[in-house]
Amino acid sequence: MNRHKAIVLAIAMLAGGISGARQAEAQTFRTYRCVDGTQFIVGFYDEDNRAFLQIDGEPVTLAKRLTLSGARYSGAGITLRIDKTGATTVRHLKRPVTACAVMERPELAPRLQ
């Protein structure tokens, strides 16, 4: 009987270890600067269809919305649009829609000598 318990326990531990050992989710973070001076960071995760923003010092989660071209996310009075070419606009706090561009972060880029 002890051998049977040991086998069941080993199988249970193995199954728990396999299900608990998830790969790290792939993620993408981008920093944007807009024409009106707004700056924000947006994060995307492979297993999640939402956009996670840090805008005006506040975290905001935006749900993906139906669109004919590109991607559109909205929530909490904020709308983020990214078209197929990568052109990005944001509308927040009842401000007009403004164009935004990805900021290059030279301090994180590898240095060429």
N, C-alpha and C. Protein backbone atom coordinates (compact mmCIF):
# COMPACT_ATOMS: atom_id res chain seq x y z
N MET A 1 0.81 -1.20 0.00
CA MET A 1 0.00 0.00 0.00
C MET A 1 0.86 1.26 0.00
N ASN A 2 1.98 1.26 0.67
CA ASN A 2 2.86 2.42 0.71
C ASN A 2 3.43 2.74 -0.67
N ARG A 3 3.74 1.68 -1.43
CA ARG A 3 4.27 1.89 -2.76
C ARG A 3 3.22 2.55 -3.65
N HIS A 4 1.98 2.12 -3.53
CA HIS A 4 0.87 2.70 -4.30
C HIS A 4 0.71 4.20 -3.97
N LYS A 5 0.76 4.55 -2.70
CA LYS A 5 0.65 5.95 -2.28
C LYS A 5 1.82 6.78 -2.83
N ALA A 6 3.02 6.20 -2.82
CA ALA A 6 4.20 6.91 -3.32
C ALA A 6 4.06 7.19 -4.82
N ILE A 7 3.54 6.22 -5.57
CA ILE A 7 3.36 6.39 -7.02
C ILE A 7 2.31 7.47 -7.29
N VAL A 8 1.19 7.43 -6.57
CA VAL A 8 0.13 8.42 -6.75
C VAL A 8 0.65 9.81 -6.39
N LEU A 9 1.40 9.92 -5.31
CA LEU A 9 1.97 11.20 -4.89
C LEU A 9 2.96 11.72 -5.94
N ALA A 10 3.80 10.84 -6.48
CA ALA A 10 4.77 11.25 -7.50
C ALA A 10 4.07 11.75 -8.75
N ILE A 11 3.01 11.06 -9.17
CA ILE A 11 2.25 11.48 -10.35
C ILE A 11 1.58 12.82 -10.10
N ALA A 12 1.01 13.00 -8.92
CA ALA A 12 0.35 14.26 -8.59
C ALA A 12 1.36 15.41 -8.58
N MET A 13 2.54 15.18 -8.03
CA MET A 13 3.56 16.23 -7.99
C MET A 13 4.06 16.55 -9.40
N LEU A 14 4.24 15.53 -10.21
CA LEU A 14 4.69 15.74 -11.58
C LEU A 14 3.65 16.52 -12.37
N ALA A 15 2.39 16.16 -12.23
CA ALA A 15 1.32 16.87 -12.94
C ALA A 15 1.23 18.32 -12.47
N GLY A 16 1.36 18.55 -11.19
CA GLY A 16 1.33 19.91 -10.66
C GLY A 16 2.51 20.73 -11.13
N GLY A 17 3.68 20.12 -11.23
CA GLY A 17 4.86 20.82 -11.70
C GLY A 17 4.76 21.18 -13.17
N ILE A 18 4.19 20.30 -13.97
CA ILE A 18 4.04 20.58 -15.40
C ILE A 18 3.04 21.71 -15.62
N SER A 19 1.92 21.66 -14.93
CA SER A 19 0.91 22.71 -15.14
C SER A 19 1.35 24.03 -14.54
N GLY A 20 2.19 24.00 -13.51
CA GLY A 20 2.63 25.23 -12.87
C GLY A 20 3.81 25.89 -13.56
N ALA A 21 4.50 25.15 -14.42
CA ALA A 21 5.68 25.68 -15.09
C ALA A 21 5.30 26.26 -16.45
N ARG A 22 4.70 27.44 -16.44
CA ARG A 22 4.32 28.12 -17.68
C ARG A 22 5.52 28.87 -18.23
N GLN A 23 5.54 28.96 -19.52
CA GLN A 23 6.57 29.79 -20.13
C GLN A 23 6.24 31.24 -19.85
N ALA A 24 7.26 32.06 -19.79
CA ALA A 24 7.04 33.49 -19.62
C ALA A 24 6.28 34.01 -20.83
N GLU A 25 5.25 34.77 -20.60
CA GLU A 25 4.46 35.30 -21.70
C GLU A 25 5.27 36.32 -22.47
N ALA A 26 5.19 36.22 -23.80
CA ALA A 26 5.87 37.21 -24.63
C ALA A 26 5.16 38.55 -24.44
N GLN A 27 5.91 39.59 -24.42
CA GLN A 27 5.34 40.91 -24.17
C GLN A 27 6.04 41.95 -25.02
N THR A 28 5.31 43.00 -25.33
CA THR A 28 5.85 44.11 -26.10
C THR A 28 5.47 45.39 -25.39
N PHE A 29 6.45 46.26 -25.15
CA PHE A 29 6.20 47.57 -24.57
C PHE A 29 6.72 48.62 -25.52
N ARG A 30 5.92 49.68 -25.69
CA ARG A 30 6.34 50.80 -26.54
C ARG A 30 6.03 52.10 -25.83
N THR A 31 6.90 53.06 -26.01
CA THR A 31 6.69 54.40 -25.46
C THR A 31 6.36 55.32 -26.62
N TYR A 32 5.28 56.08 -26.48
CA TYR A 32 4.82 56.98 -27.54
C TYR A 32 4.88 58.43 -27.07
N ARG A 33 5.13 59.33 -28.02
CA ARG A 33 5.03 60.76 -27.79
C ARG A 33 4.10 61.29 -28.88
N CYS A 34 3.12 62.11 -28.45
CA CYS A 34 2.11 62.62 -29.36
C CYS A 34 2.37 64.08 -29.72
N VAL A 35 1.72 64.52 -30.79
CA VAL A 35 1.88 65.89 -31.27
C VAL A 35 1.50 66.91 -30.20
N ASP A 36 0.47 66.61 -29.40
CA ASP A 36 0.02 67.55 -28.36
C ASP A 36 0.85 67.49 -27.08
N GLY A 37 1.92 66.71 -27.08
CA GLY A 37 2.79 66.62 -25.90
C GLY A 37 2.50 65.44 -24.99
N THR A 38 1.41 64.73 -25.22
CA THR A 38 1.08 63.56 -24.42
C THR A 38 2.12 62.47 -24.63
N GLN A 39 2.49 61.81 -23.55
CA GLN A 39 3.37 60.65 -23.62
C GLN A 39 2.69 59.50 -22.91
N PHE A 40 2.85 58.31 -23.45
CA PHE A 40 2.29 57.14 -22.78
C PHE A 40 3.08 55.90 -23.14
N ILE A 41 2.94 54.90 -22.31
CA ILE A 41 3.56 53.60 -22.53
C ILE A 41 2.42 52.61 -22.73
N VAL A 42 2.55 51.75 -23.71
CA VAL A 42 1.54 50.72 -23.94
C VAL A 42 2.22 49.36 -23.93
N GLY A 43 1.57 48.41 -23.30
CA GLY A 43 2.09 47.04 -23.23
C GLY A 43 1.09 46.07 -23.81
N PHE A 44 1.60 45.08 -24.54
CA PHE A 44 0.78 44.03 -25.12
C PHE A 44 1.36 42.69 -24.70
N TYR A 45 0.50 41.73 -24.38
CA TYR A 45 0.90 40.38 -24.02
C TYR A 45 0.30 39.42 -25.03
N ASP A 46 1.05 38.38 -25.41
CA ASP A 46 0.58 37.43 -26.42
C ASP A 46 -0.74 36.76 -26.06
N GLU A 47 -0.92 36.40 -24.84
CA GLU A 47 -2.11 35.65 -24.43
C GLU A 47 -3.27 36.55 -24.02
N ASP A 48 -3.17 37.85 -24.28
CA ASP A 48 -4.20 38.79 -23.86
C ASP A 48 -4.48 39.76 -25.00
N ASN A 49 -5.76 40.01 -25.29
CA ASN A 49 -6.07 40.90 -26.41
C ASN A 49 -6.32 42.34 -25.96
N ARG A 50 -5.97 42.66 -24.73
CA ARG A 50 -6.11 44.03 -24.24
C ARG A 50 -4.81 44.79 -24.39
N ALA A 51 -4.91 46.11 -24.28
CA ALA A 51 -3.73 46.98 -24.26
C ALA A 51 -3.63 47.56 -22.86
N PHE A 52 -2.44 47.60 -22.31
CA PHE A 52 -2.21 48.11 -20.97
C PHE A 52 -1.43 49.41 -21.09
N LEU A 53 -2.06 50.52 -20.72
CA LEU A 53 -1.45 51.84 -20.87
C LEU A 53 -1.05 52.42 -19.54
N GLN A 54 -0.02 53.25 -19.59
CA GLN A 54 0.36 54.13 -18.49
C GLN A 54 0.30 55.51 -19.11
N ILE A 55 -0.76 56.27 -18.80
CA ILE A 55 -0.96 57.58 -19.41
C ILE A 55 -1.38 58.56 -18.33
N ASP A 56 -0.83 59.74 -18.34
CA ASP A 56 -1.10 60.76 -17.32
C ASP A 56 -0.85 60.22 -15.91
N GLY A 57 0.15 59.36 -15.79
CA GLY A 57 0.52 58.82 -14.48
C GLY A 57 -0.41 57.76 -13.93
N GLU A 58 -1.38 57.32 -14.72
CA GLU A 58 -2.35 56.34 -14.27
C GLU A 58 -2.33 55.11 -15.17
N PRO A 59 -2.43 53.91 -14.58
CA PRO A 59 -2.56 52.71 -15.40
C PRO A 59 -3.99 52.56 -15.90
N VAL A 60 -4.15 52.18 -17.16
CA VAL A 60 -5.47 52.00 -17.76
C VAL A 60 -5.41 50.74 -18.62
N THR A 61 -6.43 49.90 -18.51
CA THR A 61 -6.54 48.72 -19.36
C THR A 61 -7.60 48.99 -20.40
N LEU A 62 -7.24 48.81 -21.67
CA LEU A 62 -8.16 49.07 -22.78
C LEU A 62 -8.54 47.76 -23.45
N ALA A 63 -9.83 47.58 -23.69
CA ALA A 63 -10.32 46.39 -24.37
C ALA A 63 -10.17 46.56 -25.88
N LYS A 64 -9.88 45.47 -26.55
CA LYS A 64 -9.78 45.51 -28.01
C LYS A 64 -11.18 45.61 -28.58
N ARG A 65 -11.36 46.48 -29.57
CA ARG A 65 -12.66 46.72 -30.19
C ARG A 65 -12.60 46.30 -31.65
N LEU A 66 -13.77 46.05 -32.20
CA LEU A 66 -13.89 45.67 -33.60
C LEU A 66 -13.51 46.82 -34.50
N THR A 67 -12.70 46.54 -35.51
CA THR A 67 -12.28 47.54 -36.48
C THR A 67 -12.06 46.86 -37.82
N LEU A 68 -12.16 47.62 -38.89
CA LEU A 68 -11.96 47.06 -40.22
C LEU A 68 -10.50 46.96 -40.61
N SER A 69 -9.67 47.82 -40.06
CA SER A 69 -8.26 47.84 -40.42
C SER A 69 -7.43 48.21 -39.21
N GLY A 70 -6.37 47.47 -38.97
CA GLY A 70 -5.51 47.76 -37.83
C GLY A 70 -6.11 47.29 -36.52
N ALA A 71 -5.85 48.03 -35.45
CA ALA A 71 -6.34 47.67 -34.12
C ALA A 71 -6.88 48.91 -33.42
N ARG A 72 -7.94 48.72 -32.65
CA ARG A 72 -8.52 49.81 -31.87
C ARG A 72 -8.79 49.28 -30.47
N TYR A 73 -8.39 50.05 -29.48
CA TYR A 73 -8.57 49.70 -28.07
C TYR A 73 -9.24 50.89 -27.39
N SER A 74 -10.17 50.62 -26.47
CA SER A 74 -10.80 51.74 -25.76
C SER A 74 -11.25 51.32 -24.38
N GLY A 75 -11.42 52.34 -23.54
CA GLY A 75 -11.89 52.15 -22.18
C GLY A 75 -11.50 53.36 -21.35
N ALA A 76 -12.30 53.66 -20.33
CA ALA A 76 -12.03 54.76 -19.40
C ALA A 76 -11.85 56.09 -20.12
N GLY A 77 -12.59 56.31 -21.21
CA GLY A 77 -12.51 57.57 -21.93
C GLY A 77 -11.30 57.71 -22.82
N ILE A 78 -10.58 56.63 -23.06
CA ILE A 78 -9.38 56.66 -23.89
C ILE A 78 -9.59 55.73 -25.09
N THR A 79 -9.20 56.19 -26.27
CA THR A 79 -9.24 55.36 -27.47
C THR A 79 -7.86 55.39 -28.12
N LEU A 80 -7.31 54.22 -28.35
CA LEU A 80 -6.01 54.05 -28.99
C LEU A 80 -6.24 53.32 -30.30
N ARG A 81 -5.75 53.90 -31.41
CA ARG A 81 -5.86 53.27 -32.73
C ARG A 81 -4.46 53.09 -33.31
N ILE A 82 -4.23 51.89 -33.83
CA ILE A 82 -2.97 51.59 -34.51
C ILE A 82 -3.35 50.96 -35.84
N ASP A 83 -3.07 51.67 -36.95
CA ASP A 83 -3.46 51.11 -38.24
C ASP A 83 -2.41 50.12 -38.73
N LYS A 84 -2.69 49.50 -39.86
CA LYS A 84 -1.81 48.46 -40.38
C LYS A 84 -0.41 48.96 -40.70
N THR A 85 -0.27 50.24 -41.01
CA THR A 85 1.05 50.80 -41.31
C THR A 85 1.81 51.19 -40.05
N GLY A 86 1.14 51.14 -38.90
CA GLY A 86 1.78 51.51 -37.63
C GLY A 86 1.46 52.92 -37.18
N ALA A 87 0.72 53.69 -38.01
CA ALA A 87 0.32 55.04 -37.61
C ALA A 87 -0.59 54.93 -36.39
N THR A 88 -0.31 55.72 -35.37
CA THR A 88 -1.01 55.61 -34.10
C THR A 88 -1.65 56.94 -33.73
N THR A 89 -2.89 56.86 -33.21
CA THR A 89 -3.56 58.04 -32.67
C THR A 89 -4.14 57.68 -31.31
N VAL A 90 -4.28 58.72 -30.48
CA VAL A 90 -4.89 58.53 -29.17
C VAL A 90 -5.85 59.68 -28.91
N ARG A 91 -6.92 59.37 -28.22
CA ARG A 91 -7.88 60.38 -27.78
C ARG A 91 -8.15 60.10 -26.31
N HIS A 92 -7.94 61.12 -25.46
CA HIS A 92 -8.22 60.93 -24.03
C HIS A 92 -8.61 62.25 -23.38
N LEU A 93 -9.31 62.14 -22.29
CA LEU A 93 -9.75 63.28 -21.50
C LEU A 93 -10.48 64.33 -22.34
N LYS A 94 -11.31 63.88 -23.25
CA LYS A 94 -12.10 64.75 -24.11
C LYS A 94 -11.25 65.69 -24.96
N ARG A 95 -9.98 65.36 -25.11
CA ARG A 95 -9.10 66.12 -26.00
C ARG A 95 -9.31 65.61 -27.42
N PRO A 96 -8.94 66.41 -28.42
CA PRO A 96 -9.07 65.93 -29.80
C PRO A 96 -8.11 64.77 -30.08
N VAL A 97 -8.42 64.01 -31.11
CA VAL A 97 -7.55 62.92 -31.54
C VAL A 97 -6.21 63.52 -31.94
N THR A 98 -5.13 62.89 -31.51
CA THR A 98 -3.79 63.39 -31.83
C THR A 98 -2.91 62.25 -32.34
N ALA A 99 -2.05 62.56 -33.28
CA ALA A 99 -1.13 61.58 -33.84
C ALA A 99 0.04 61.36 -32.88
N CYS A 100 0.50 60.12 -32.83
CA CYS A 100 1.59 59.75 -31.93
C CYS A 100 2.62 58.92 -32.68
N ALA A 101 3.83 58.93 -32.18
CA ALA A 101 4.91 58.14 -32.78
C ALA A 101 5.69 57.46 -31.68
N VAL A 102 6.25 56.29 -32.00
CA VAL A 102 7.07 55.55 -31.05
C VAL A 102 8.33 56.34 -30.77
N MET A 103 8.66 56.48 -29.50
CA MET A 103 9.91 57.15 -29.10
C MET A 103 11.02 56.10 -29.09
N GLU A 104 12.10 56.44 -29.72
CA GLU A 104 13.27 55.57 -29.64
C GLU A 104 13.95 55.84 -28.31
N ARG A 105 14.39 54.81 -27.67
CA ARG A 105 15.04 54.96 -26.37
C ARG A 105 16.52 54.62 -26.51
N PRO A 106 17.34 55.60 -26.87
CA PRO A 106 18.75 55.32 -27.15
C PRO A 106 19.50 54.76 -25.95
N GLU A 107 19.04 55.05 -24.73
CA GLU A 107 19.76 54.53 -23.56
C GLU A 107 19.61 53.02 -23.42
N LEU A 108 18.61 52.43 -24.12
CA LEU A 108 18.42 50.99 -24.06
C LEU A 108 18.98 50.29 -25.29
N ALA A 109 19.30 51.04 -26.34
CA ALA A 109 19.82 50.45 -27.57
C ALA A 109 21.28 50.06 -27.37
N PRO A 110 21.72 49.00 -28.06
CA PRO A 110 23.14 48.64 -27.93
C PRO A 110 24.01 49.73 -28.55
N ARG A 111 25.14 49.98 -27.94
CA ARG A 111 26.05 51.01 -28.41
C ARG A 111 27.02 50.43 -29.43
N LEU A 112 27.15 51.13 -30.53
CA LEU A 112 28.11 50.71 -31.55
C LEU A 112 29.40 51.50 -31.37
N GLN A 113 30.50 50.84 -31.44
CA GLN A 113 31.79 51.49 -31.23
C GLN A 113 32.51 51.65 -32.54
